[in-house]
């Protein structure tokens, strides 16, 4: 093998190895607590008491989500929560790394909002997703849990699934974007 070709091949392999570390930041920068994807924060809001914030949270919930319902099982365990509900967000992603076709997905999240005088806390957790199309749900096997995807990605063991690291990163980036947009909308509604 001639020397320039060998050097070019070596540089290509080294560059590919280094590029992987940058891509991994998508997964490793997600807010994971005890192996679960959890978005949580406490936000101060000057001049708003508990009832105003509670009213704003419920109004935001009804306006932001097309589909939402009370999470009664969790509500029984958490009497202090002002708003505890499940809602559907949406995103669009390919089922594999070829990216020839994109599906619309529903993302089911649990949202907990606790309102106090002058501040509120939120928590978005229990994230599950699936294609909107019933046909694609029956024909193609899709992962459904963000927590599961994070776990198998970090272990680098994708099991029997026909899914690769690139597709997992894409799914998780879409989930992250949908949830961050939801949180930004909540924060804006609560500040007004």
N, C-alpha and C. Protein backbone atom coordinates (compact mmCIF):
# COMPACT_ATOMS: atom_id res chain seq x y z
N UNK A 1 0.86 -1.17 0.00
CA UNK A 1 0.00 0.00 0.00
C UNK A 1 0.90 1.23 0.00
N UNK A 2 0.58 2.18 -0.86
CA UNK A 2 1.45 3.35 -0.92
C UNK A 2 1.22 4.27 0.29
N UNK A 3 2.23 5.00 0.61
CA UNK A 3 2.26 5.80 1.83
C UNK A 3 1.17 6.88 1.90
N UNK A 4 0.93 7.69 0.84
CA UNK A 4 -0.11 8.72 0.93
C UNK A 4 -1.51 8.13 1.16
N UNK A 5 -1.79 7.00 0.54
CA UNK A 5 -3.09 6.37 0.73
C UNK A 5 -3.22 5.86 2.17
N UNK A 6 -2.16 5.30 2.70
CA UNK A 6 -2.15 4.82 4.07
C UNK A 6 -2.38 5.98 5.06
N UNK A 7 -1.72 7.10 4.84
CA UNK A 7 -1.87 8.27 5.72
C UNK A 7 -3.30 8.82 5.63
N UNK A 8 -3.84 8.89 4.42
CA UNK A 8 -5.21 9.39 4.24
C UNK A 8 -6.21 8.48 4.95
N UNK A 9 -6.02 7.17 4.84
CA UNK A 9 -6.91 6.22 5.50
C UNK A 9 -6.80 6.35 7.02
N UNK A 10 -5.59 6.51 7.54
CA UNK A 10 -5.38 6.68 8.97
C UNK A 10 -6.07 7.95 9.47
N UNK A 11 -5.92 9.05 8.74
CA UNK A 11 -6.56 10.32 9.15
C UNK A 11 -8.08 10.22 9.11
N UNK A 12 -8.62 9.51 8.14
CA UNK A 12 -10.06 9.33 8.04
C UNK A 12 -10.59 8.55 9.24
N UNK A 13 -9.89 7.48 9.61
CA UNK A 13 -10.30 6.69 10.77
C UNK A 13 -10.19 7.51 12.05
N UNK A 14 -9.12 8.24 12.21
CA UNK A 14 -8.93 9.07 13.41
C UNK A 14 -10.00 10.15 13.49
N UNK A 15 -10.33 10.78 12.36
CA UNK A 15 -11.35 11.82 12.33
C UNK A 15 -12.72 11.25 12.68
N UNK A 16 -13.02 10.06 12.20
CA UNK A 16 -14.30 9.43 12.51
C UNK A 16 -14.41 9.14 14.00
N UNK A 17 -13.35 8.69 14.61
CA UNK A 17 -13.35 8.44 16.05
C UNK A 17 -13.54 9.70 16.86
N UNK A 18 -12.92 10.78 16.45
CA UNK A 18 -13.07 12.05 17.16
C UNK A 18 -14.45 12.64 16.95
N UNK A 19 -15.02 12.47 15.77
CA UNK A 19 -16.34 13.03 15.48
C UNK A 19 -17.40 12.38 16.36
N UNK A 20 -17.23 11.13 16.72
CA UNK A 20 -18.20 10.44 17.55
C UNK A 20 -18.35 11.10 18.91
N UNK A 21 -17.28 11.59 19.49
CA UNK A 21 -17.35 12.22 20.80
C UNK A 21 -18.23 13.46 20.77
N UNK A 22 -18.18 14.25 19.70
CA UNK A 22 -19.02 15.43 19.58
C UNK A 22 -20.48 15.07 19.45
N UNK A 23 -20.77 13.99 18.76
CA UNK A 23 -22.15 13.56 18.60
C UNK A 23 -22.73 13.04 19.90
N UNK A 24 -21.89 12.42 20.72
CA UNK A 24 -22.36 11.86 21.98
C UNK A 24 -22.87 12.93 22.93
N UNK A 25 -22.46 14.18 22.77
CA UNK A 25 -22.89 15.23 23.68
C UNK A 25 -24.41 15.40 23.65
N UNK A 26 -25.05 15.08 22.54
CA UNK A 26 -26.51 15.15 22.45
C UNK A 26 -27.13 14.30 23.55
N UNK A 27 -26.66 13.09 23.69
CA UNK A 27 -27.23 12.16 24.67
C UNK A 27 -26.73 12.47 26.07
N UNK A 28 -25.44 12.73 26.22
CA UNK A 28 -24.87 12.91 27.55
C UNK A 28 -25.22 14.25 28.19
N UNK A 29 -25.75 15.21 27.44
CA UNK A 29 -26.17 16.49 28.00
C UNK A 29 -27.65 16.53 28.39
N UNK A 30 -28.36 15.44 28.17
CA UNK A 30 -29.76 15.39 28.56
C UNK A 30 -29.86 15.34 30.09
N UNK A 31 -30.93 15.93 30.66
CA UNK A 31 -31.07 15.93 32.13
C UNK A 31 -31.57 14.57 32.64
N UNK A 32 -30.64 13.69 32.96
CA UNK A 32 -30.98 12.35 33.43
C UNK A 32 -30.76 12.27 34.94
N UNK A 33 -31.77 11.82 35.66
CA UNK A 33 -31.70 11.66 37.11
C UNK A 33 -32.05 10.20 37.42
N UNK A 34 -31.11 9.48 38.02
CA UNK A 34 -31.30 8.07 38.35
C UNK A 34 -31.75 7.25 37.14
N UNK A 35 -31.16 7.52 35.99
CA UNK A 35 -31.46 6.76 34.78
C UNK A 35 -32.73 7.19 34.07
N UNK A 36 -33.39 8.23 34.54
CA UNK A 36 -34.66 8.69 33.95
C UNK A 36 -34.48 10.10 33.40
N UNK A 37 -35.09 10.36 32.25
CA UNK A 37 -35.07 11.69 31.65
C UNK A 37 -36.05 12.58 32.42
N UNK A 38 -35.53 13.62 33.09
CA UNK A 38 -36.35 14.49 33.93
C UNK A 38 -35.93 15.94 33.71
N UNK A 39 -36.87 16.76 33.28
CA UNK A 39 -36.65 18.20 33.14
C UNK A 39 -37.34 18.85 34.33
N UNK A 40 -36.60 19.56 35.17
CA UNK A 40 -37.19 20.18 36.35
C UNK A 40 -36.48 21.49 36.65
N UNK A 41 -37.24 22.44 37.19
CA UNK A 41 -36.66 23.72 37.58
C UNK A 41 -37.65 24.46 38.48
N UNK A 42 -37.14 25.45 39.16
CA UNK A 42 -37.95 26.33 39.99
C UNK A 42 -37.76 27.74 39.45
N UNK A 43 -38.87 28.42 39.15
CA UNK A 43 -38.83 29.73 38.51
C UNK A 43 -39.50 30.77 39.41
N UNK A 44 -38.79 31.86 39.69
CA UNK A 44 -39.36 32.95 40.48
C UNK A 44 -40.19 33.85 39.55
N UNK A 45 -41.35 34.26 40.05
CA UNK A 45 -42.22 35.17 39.31
C UNK A 45 -42.67 36.25 40.28
N UNK A 46 -42.13 37.44 40.12
CA UNK A 46 -42.45 38.54 41.04
C UNK A 46 -43.89 39.01 40.86
N UNK A 47 -44.56 39.25 41.97
CA UNK A 47 -45.90 39.84 41.93
C UNK A 47 -47.02 38.87 41.61
N UNK A 48 -46.75 37.57 41.62
CA UNK A 48 -47.80 36.58 41.35
C UNK A 48 -47.95 35.68 42.57
N UNK A 49 -49.18 35.57 43.05
CA UNK A 49 -49.42 34.67 44.17
C UNK A 49 -49.77 33.27 43.66
N UNK A 50 -49.99 32.36 44.59
CA UNK A 50 -50.23 30.96 44.24
C UNK A 50 -51.45 30.80 43.35
N UNK A 51 -52.55 31.47 43.66
CA UNK A 51 -53.78 31.29 42.87
C UNK A 51 -53.63 31.83 41.45
N UNK A 52 -52.92 32.94 41.28
CA UNK A 52 -52.69 33.49 39.94
C UNK A 52 -51.84 32.53 39.11
N UNK A 53 -50.78 32.00 39.73
CA UNK A 53 -49.90 31.06 39.02
C UNK A 53 -50.63 29.76 38.70
N UNK A 54 -51.44 29.28 39.63
CA UNK A 54 -52.21 28.06 39.39
C UNK A 54 -53.18 28.25 38.23
N UNK A 55 -53.84 29.39 38.20
CA UNK A 55 -54.77 29.70 37.12
C UNK A 55 -54.03 29.81 35.78
N UNK A 56 -52.87 30.45 35.80
CA UNK A 56 -52.07 30.59 34.57
C UNK A 56 -51.60 29.22 34.07
N UNK A 57 -51.20 28.35 34.99
CA UNK A 57 -50.74 27.01 34.60
C UNK A 57 -51.86 26.20 33.96
N UNK A 58 -53.03 26.25 34.55
CA UNK A 58 -54.16 25.50 33.99
C UNK A 58 -54.61 26.07 32.65
N UNK A 59 -54.57 27.39 32.51
CA UNK A 59 -54.92 28.02 31.23
C UNK A 59 -53.90 27.64 30.16
N UNK A 60 -52.60 27.67 30.52
CA UNK A 60 -51.56 27.28 29.57
C UNK A 60 -51.74 25.84 29.13
N UNK A 61 -52.01 24.97 30.07
CA UNK A 61 -52.18 23.55 29.77
C UNK A 61 -53.30 23.33 28.76
N UNK A 62 -54.43 23.99 28.97
CA UNK A 62 -55.57 23.83 28.07
C UNK A 62 -55.29 24.41 26.69
N UNK A 63 -54.48 25.47 26.62
CA UNK A 63 -54.18 26.09 25.35
C UNK A 63 -53.03 25.46 24.59
N UNK A 64 -52.07 24.90 25.30
CA UNK A 64 -50.87 24.37 24.64
C UNK A 64 -51.06 22.96 24.10
N UNK A 65 -51.73 22.12 24.85
CA UNK A 65 -51.90 20.72 24.45
C UNK A 65 -53.24 20.50 23.77
N UNK A 66 -53.19 19.88 22.61
CA UNK A 66 -54.43 19.48 21.95
C UNK A 66 -55.05 18.31 22.70
N UNK A 67 -54.19 17.41 23.19
CA UNK A 67 -54.65 16.25 23.94
C UNK A 67 -53.93 16.23 25.29
N UNK A 68 -54.70 16.23 26.36
CA UNK A 68 -54.13 16.11 27.71
C UNK A 68 -55.21 15.57 28.64
N UNK A 69 -54.78 14.95 29.73
CA UNK A 69 -55.71 14.41 30.71
C UNK A 69 -54.99 14.29 32.03
N UNK A 70 -55.77 14.30 33.11
CA UNK A 70 -55.19 14.24 34.46
C UNK A 70 -54.50 12.91 34.68
N UNK A 71 -53.38 12.94 35.33
CA UNK A 71 -52.65 11.73 35.69
C UNK A 71 -53.14 11.32 37.08
N UNK A 72 -54.25 10.61 37.12
CA UNK A 72 -54.91 10.31 38.39
C UNK A 72 -54.11 9.34 39.25
N UNK A 73 -53.37 8.44 38.64
CA UNK A 73 -52.58 7.50 39.44
C UNK A 73 -51.48 8.21 40.21
N UNK A 74 -50.79 9.12 39.55
CA UNK A 74 -49.74 9.88 40.22
C UNK A 74 -50.33 10.90 41.19
N UNK A 75 -51.49 11.45 40.85
CA UNK A 75 -52.13 12.45 41.70
C UNK A 75 -52.45 11.88 43.07
N UNK A 76 -52.82 10.60 43.11
CA UNK A 76 -53.11 9.96 44.40
C UNK A 76 -51.87 9.94 45.29
N UNK A 77 -50.68 9.89 44.68
CA UNK A 77 -49.44 9.82 45.44
C UNK A 77 -48.90 11.21 45.79
N UNK A 78 -49.39 12.26 45.10
CA UNK A 78 -48.84 13.60 45.26
C UNK A 78 -49.96 14.61 45.46
N UNK A 79 -50.40 14.80 46.69
CA UNK A 79 -51.52 15.69 46.99
C UNK A 79 -51.14 17.17 46.90
N UNK A 80 -49.84 17.49 46.93
CA UNK A 80 -49.38 18.87 46.94
C UNK A 80 -49.36 19.49 45.55
N UNK A 81 -49.43 18.68 44.51
CA UNK A 81 -49.28 19.19 43.15
C UNK A 81 -50.50 20.00 42.72
N UNK A 82 -50.26 21.17 42.15
CA UNK A 82 -51.35 21.98 41.62
C UNK A 82 -51.84 21.40 40.29
N UNK A 83 -50.89 21.09 39.42
CA UNK A 83 -51.23 20.55 38.11
C UNK A 83 -50.38 19.29 37.91
N UNK A 84 -51.03 18.18 37.68
CA UNK A 84 -50.34 16.94 37.38
C UNK A 84 -51.11 16.27 36.26
N UNK A 85 -50.53 16.27 35.08
CA UNK A 85 -51.27 15.82 33.92
C UNK A 85 -50.36 15.12 32.92
N UNK A 86 -50.96 14.40 32.02
CA UNK A 86 -50.25 13.81 30.89
C UNK A 86 -50.68 14.57 29.64
N UNK A 87 -49.73 14.80 28.75
CA UNK A 87 -50.04 15.52 27.53
C UNK A 87 -49.27 14.93 26.36
N UNK A 88 -49.76 15.21 25.17
CA UNK A 88 -49.11 14.72 23.95
C UNK A 88 -48.44 15.86 23.21
N UNK A 89 -47.15 15.72 22.99
CA UNK A 89 -46.40 16.61 22.12
C UNK A 89 -46.18 15.86 20.81
N UNK A 90 -45.67 16.54 19.82
CA UNK A 90 -45.43 15.89 18.53
C UNK A 90 -44.04 16.21 18.02
N UNK A 91 -43.47 15.29 17.25
CA UNK A 91 -42.22 15.53 16.54
C UNK A 91 -42.18 14.65 15.30
N UNK A 92 -41.22 14.93 14.45
CA UNK A 92 -41.08 14.20 13.19
C UNK A 92 -39.66 13.64 13.13
N UNK A 93 -39.55 12.34 12.85
CA UNK A 93 -38.23 11.70 12.84
C UNK A 93 -38.23 10.49 11.90
N UNK A 94 -37.05 10.10 11.44
CA UNK A 94 -36.94 8.91 10.59
C UNK A 94 -36.88 7.65 11.46
N UNK A 95 -37.31 6.52 10.95
CA UNK A 95 -37.26 5.28 11.73
C UNK A 95 -35.87 4.63 11.74
N UNK A 96 -34.96 5.11 10.89
CA UNK A 96 -33.62 4.52 10.82
C UNK A 96 -32.62 5.57 10.32
N UNK A 97 -31.37 5.17 10.22
CA UNK A 97 -30.32 6.12 9.85
C UNK A 97 -30.30 6.46 8.36
N UNK A 98 -31.07 5.77 7.56
CA UNK A 98 -31.11 6.07 6.12
C UNK A 98 -31.79 7.42 5.89
N UNK A 99 -32.78 7.73 6.69
CA UNK A 99 -33.51 9.00 6.66
C UNK A 99 -34.18 9.29 5.31
N UNK A 100 -34.66 8.23 4.69
CA UNK A 100 -35.38 8.39 3.43
C UNK A 100 -36.84 8.75 3.68
N UNK A 101 -37.35 8.34 4.82
CA UNK A 101 -38.74 8.54 5.18
C UNK A 101 -38.79 9.10 6.60
N UNK A 102 -39.72 9.99 6.85
CA UNK A 102 -39.90 10.56 8.19
C UNK A 102 -41.33 10.28 8.64
N UNK A 103 -41.50 9.91 9.90
CA UNK A 103 -42.82 9.66 10.47
C UNK A 103 -43.15 10.78 11.46
N UNK A 104 -44.43 11.00 11.64
CA UNK A 104 -44.89 11.87 12.71
C UNK A 104 -45.06 11.02 13.96
N UNK A 105 -44.57 11.52 15.08
CA UNK A 105 -44.63 10.79 16.35
C UNK A 105 -45.41 11.57 17.38
N UNK A 106 -46.10 10.85 18.26
CA UNK A 106 -46.67 11.41 19.47
C UNK A 106 -45.67 11.18 20.59
N UNK A 107 -45.48 12.18 21.42
CA UNK A 107 -44.61 12.09 22.59
C UNK A 107 -45.48 12.31 23.82
N UNK A 108 -45.66 11.27 24.61
CA UNK A 108 -46.45 11.35 25.83
C UNK A 108 -45.54 11.75 26.98
N UNK A 109 -45.89 12.82 27.68
CA UNK A 109 -45.10 13.30 28.82
C UNK A 109 -46.02 13.50 30.03
N UNK A 110 -45.46 13.38 31.20
CA UNK A 110 -46.16 13.74 32.44
C UNK A 110 -45.59 15.07 32.89
N UNK A 111 -46.49 16.00 33.20
CA UNK A 111 -46.08 17.35 33.63
C UNK A 111 -46.64 17.62 35.02
N UNK A 112 -45.75 18.04 35.90
CA UNK A 112 -46.14 18.40 37.25
C UNK A 112 -45.75 19.85 37.47
N UNK A 113 -46.72 20.67 37.87
CA UNK A 113 -46.47 22.08 38.16
C UNK A 113 -46.97 22.37 39.57
N UNK A 114 -46.08 22.84 40.43
CA UNK A 114 -46.44 23.23 41.79
C UNK A 114 -46.30 24.74 41.91
N UNK A 115 -47.38 25.38 42.29
CA UNK A 115 -47.38 26.84 42.39
C UNK A 115 -47.37 27.28 43.85
N UNK A 116 -46.53 28.24 44.16
CA UNK A 116 -46.44 28.85 45.48
C UNK A 116 -46.46 30.37 45.29
N UNK A 117 -46.51 31.10 46.36
CA UNK A 117 -46.47 32.56 46.26
C UNK A 117 -45.10 33.01 45.76
N UNK A 118 -45.07 33.63 44.58
CA UNK A 118 -43.84 34.19 44.03
C UNK A 118 -42.98 33.24 43.20
N UNK A 119 -43.35 31.98 43.11
CA UNK A 119 -42.57 31.07 42.28
C UNK A 119 -43.37 29.80 41.96
N UNK A 120 -42.89 29.05 41.00
CA UNK A 120 -43.49 27.76 40.68
C UNK A 120 -42.36 26.80 40.30
N UNK A 121 -42.63 25.54 40.45
CA UNK A 121 -41.69 24.51 40.01
C UNK A 121 -42.39 23.65 38.98
N UNK A 122 -41.61 23.16 38.04
CA UNK A 122 -42.17 22.24 37.06
C UNK A 122 -41.27 21.02 36.95
N UNK A 123 -41.88 19.95 36.52
CA UNK A 123 -41.15 18.71 36.27
C UNK A 123 -41.81 18.03 35.08
N UNK A 124 -41.03 17.69 34.08
CA UNK A 124 -41.51 16.96 32.90
C UNK A 124 -40.76 15.64 32.89
N UNK A 125 -41.49 14.55 32.90
CA UNK A 125 -40.87 13.23 33.02
C UNK A 125 -41.75 12.16 32.38
N UNK A 126 -41.37 10.90 32.52
CA UNK A 126 -42.08 9.76 31.93
C UNK A 126 -42.38 10.00 30.45
N UNK A 127 -41.33 10.04 29.65
CA UNK A 127 -41.48 10.34 28.22
C UNK A 127 -41.52 9.06 27.40
N UNK A 128 -42.59 8.90 26.66
CA UNK A 128 -42.78 7.75 25.78
C UNK A 128 -43.24 8.27 24.42
N UNK A 129 -42.82 7.60 23.35
CA UNK A 129 -43.27 8.05 22.04
C UNK A 129 -43.57 6.87 21.14
N UNK A 130 -44.36 7.15 20.09
CA UNK A 130 -44.70 6.16 19.08
C UNK A 130 -45.21 6.87 17.84
N UNK A 131 -45.12 6.22 16.69
CA UNK A 131 -45.63 6.87 15.47
C UNK A 131 -47.13 7.13 15.58
N UNK A 132 -47.58 8.20 14.95
CA UNK A 132 -49.00 8.52 14.93
C UNK A 132 -49.78 7.47 14.15
N UNK A 133 -49.18 6.97 13.09
CA UNK A 133 -49.85 6.03 12.20
C UNK A 133 -49.98 4.65 12.84
N UNK A 134 -51.19 4.16 12.91
CA UNK A 134 -51.42 2.81 13.41
C UNK A 134 -50.77 1.76 12.53
N UNK A 135 -50.72 2.03 11.23
CA UNK A 135 -50.09 1.09 10.29
C UNK A 135 -48.61 0.91 10.62
N UNK A 136 -47.88 2.00 10.82
CA UNK A 136 -46.45 1.91 11.11
C UNK A 136 -46.20 1.29 12.49
N UNK A 137 -47.13 1.45 13.40
CA UNK A 137 -46.99 0.81 14.71
C UNK A 137 -47.07 -0.71 14.61
N UNK A 138 -47.86 -1.20 13.65
CA UNK A 138 -48.02 -2.63 13.49
C UNK A 138 -46.94 -3.25 12.61
N UNK A 139 -46.45 -2.52 11.63
CA UNK A 139 -45.52 -3.07 10.65
C UNK A 139 -44.07 -2.96 11.09
N UNK A 140 -43.70 -1.84 11.73
CA UNK A 140 -42.31 -1.58 12.08
C UNK A 140 -42.17 -1.54 13.60
N UNK A 141 -41.13 -2.17 14.12
CA UNK A 141 -40.88 -2.14 15.56
C UNK A 141 -40.16 -0.84 15.90
N UNK A 142 -40.75 -0.08 16.81
CA UNK A 142 -40.18 1.21 17.22
C UNK A 142 -39.89 1.19 18.71
N UNK A 143 -38.82 1.86 19.14
CA UNK A 143 -38.62 2.01 20.58
C UNK A 143 -39.68 2.97 21.11
N UNK A 144 -40.01 2.88 22.37
CA UNK A 144 -41.05 3.76 22.90
C UNK A 144 -40.62 4.61 24.09
N UNK A 145 -39.56 4.26 24.75
CA UNK A 145 -39.17 4.95 25.96
C UNK A 145 -37.86 5.71 25.77
N UNK A 146 -37.86 6.99 26.11
CA UNK A 146 -36.63 7.78 26.05
C UNK A 146 -35.61 7.24 27.05
N UNK A 147 -36.08 6.83 28.21
CA UNK A 147 -35.17 6.29 29.24
C UNK A 147 -34.47 5.03 28.72
N UNK A 148 -35.21 4.17 28.04
CA UNK A 148 -34.63 2.95 27.48
C UNK A 148 -33.57 3.28 26.42
N UNK A 149 -33.88 4.25 25.56
CA UNK A 149 -32.93 4.63 24.52
C UNK A 149 -31.64 5.21 25.11
N UNK A 150 -31.77 6.02 26.14
CA UNK A 150 -30.58 6.58 26.79
C UNK A 150 -29.74 5.46 27.38
N UNK A 151 -30.40 4.52 28.03
CA UNK A 151 -29.70 3.40 28.65
C UNK A 151 -28.94 2.56 27.63
N UNK A 152 -29.61 2.15 26.55
CA UNK A 152 -28.91 1.29 25.58
C UNK A 152 -27.84 2.07 24.82
N UNK A 153 -28.04 3.37 24.63
CA UNK A 153 -27.03 4.17 23.94
C UNK A 153 -25.75 4.25 24.78
N UNK A 154 -25.92 4.50 26.07
CA UNK A 154 -24.75 4.63 26.94
C UNK A 154 -24.03 3.30 27.12
N UNK A 155 -24.76 2.20 27.06
CA UNK A 155 -24.14 0.88 27.17
C UNK A 155 -23.55 0.42 25.84
N UNK A 156 -23.90 1.13 24.76
CA UNK A 156 -23.46 0.76 23.40
C UNK A 156 -23.91 -0.65 23.04
N UNK A 157 -25.05 -1.06 23.60
CA UNK A 157 -25.59 -2.37 23.32
C UNK A 157 -27.03 -2.19 22.86
N UNK A 158 -27.23 -2.26 21.57
CA UNK A 158 -28.54 -1.97 21.00
C UNK A 158 -29.44 -3.19 20.95
N UNK A 159 -28.97 -4.31 21.41
CA UNK A 159 -29.81 -5.51 21.51
C UNK A 159 -30.24 -6.02 20.16
N UNK A 160 -31.44 -6.59 20.14
CA UNK A 160 -31.96 -7.17 18.90
C UNK A 160 -32.65 -6.13 18.03
N UNK A 161 -32.74 -4.91 18.52
CA UNK A 161 -33.41 -3.88 17.74
C UNK A 161 -32.57 -3.52 16.53
N UNK A 162 -33.23 -3.18 15.48
CA UNK A 162 -32.53 -2.74 14.27
C UNK A 162 -32.42 -1.22 14.30
N UNK A 163 -31.79 -0.73 15.34
CA UNK A 163 -31.64 0.71 15.51
C UNK A 163 -30.17 0.98 15.84
N UNK A 164 -29.65 2.05 15.29
CA UNK A 164 -28.24 2.36 15.51
C UNK A 164 -28.11 3.63 16.36
N UNK A 165 -26.88 3.94 16.73
CA UNK A 165 -26.62 5.10 17.58
C UNK A 165 -27.06 6.41 16.95
N UNK A 166 -26.91 6.55 15.65
CA UNK A 166 -27.31 7.76 14.95
C UNK A 166 -28.82 7.99 15.07
N UNK A 167 -29.59 6.93 14.92
CA UNK A 167 -31.05 7.05 15.01
C UNK A 167 -31.47 7.34 16.45
N UNK A 168 -30.81 6.72 17.41
CA UNK A 168 -31.12 7.00 18.82
C UNK A 168 -30.85 8.47 19.13
N UNK A 169 -29.71 8.98 18.67
CA UNK A 169 -29.40 10.41 18.90
C UNK A 169 -30.47 11.30 18.27
N UNK A 170 -30.92 10.94 17.07
CA UNK A 170 -31.94 11.74 16.39
C UNK A 170 -33.25 11.74 17.17
N UNK A 171 -33.69 10.54 17.60
CA UNK A 171 -34.92 10.45 18.41
C UNK A 171 -34.80 11.32 19.66
N UNK A 172 -33.69 11.17 20.38
CA UNK A 172 -33.52 11.90 21.64
C UNK A 172 -33.41 13.40 21.42
N UNK A 173 -32.79 13.81 20.31
CA UNK A 173 -32.72 15.25 20.00
C UNK A 173 -34.13 15.80 19.72
N UNK A 174 -34.96 15.03 19.03
CA UNK A 174 -36.34 15.45 18.76
C UNK A 174 -37.15 15.53 20.05
N UNK A 175 -36.99 14.55 20.91
CA UNK A 175 -37.68 14.55 22.21
C UNK A 175 -37.25 15.77 23.02
N UNK A 176 -35.95 16.01 23.06
CA UNK A 176 -35.40 17.15 23.80
C UNK A 176 -35.96 18.47 23.28
N UNK A 177 -35.97 18.65 21.98
CA UNK A 177 -36.48 19.89 21.38
C UNK A 177 -37.96 20.09 21.70
N UNK A 178 -38.76 19.03 21.57
CA UNK A 178 -40.20 19.14 21.84
C UNK A 178 -40.44 19.54 23.30
N UNK A 179 -39.69 18.95 24.22
CA UNK A 179 -39.88 19.26 25.64
C UNK A 179 -39.37 20.66 25.97
N UNK A 180 -38.23 21.06 25.42
CA UNK A 180 -37.72 22.41 25.68
C UNK A 180 -38.66 23.47 25.13
N UNK A 181 -39.27 23.23 23.98
CA UNK A 181 -40.28 24.17 23.44
C UNK A 181 -41.49 24.26 24.36
N UNK A 182 -41.90 23.12 24.90
CA UNK A 182 -43.03 23.08 25.85
C UNK A 182 -42.69 23.89 27.10
N UNK A 183 -41.51 23.71 27.64
CA UNK A 183 -41.09 24.42 28.85
C UNK A 183 -40.98 25.93 28.59
N UNK A 184 -40.46 26.30 27.44
CA UNK A 184 -40.36 27.72 27.09
C UNK A 184 -41.75 28.36 27.02
N UNK A 185 -42.70 27.64 26.46
CA UNK A 185 -44.07 28.14 26.38
C UNK A 185 -44.67 28.28 27.78
N UNK A 186 -44.43 27.31 28.64
CA UNK A 186 -44.92 27.38 30.02
C UNK A 186 -44.34 28.59 30.75
N UNK A 187 -43.04 28.77 30.63
CA UNK A 187 -42.38 29.90 31.32
C UNK A 187 -42.91 31.24 30.84
N UNK A 188 -43.17 31.35 29.56
CA UNK A 188 -43.71 32.58 29.00
C UNK A 188 -45.12 32.84 29.53
N UNK A 189 -45.95 31.79 29.57
CA UNK A 189 -47.32 31.93 30.05
C UNK A 189 -47.37 32.28 31.53
N UNK A 190 -46.47 31.71 32.31
CA UNK A 190 -46.47 31.97 33.74
C UNK A 190 -45.95 33.37 34.08
N UNK A 191 -45.11 33.93 33.23
CA UNK A 191 -44.55 35.27 33.49
C UNK A 191 -45.55 36.36 33.19
N UNK A 192 -46.53 36.10 32.33
CA UNK A 192 -47.52 37.13 31.95
C UNK A 192 -48.59 37.28 32.99
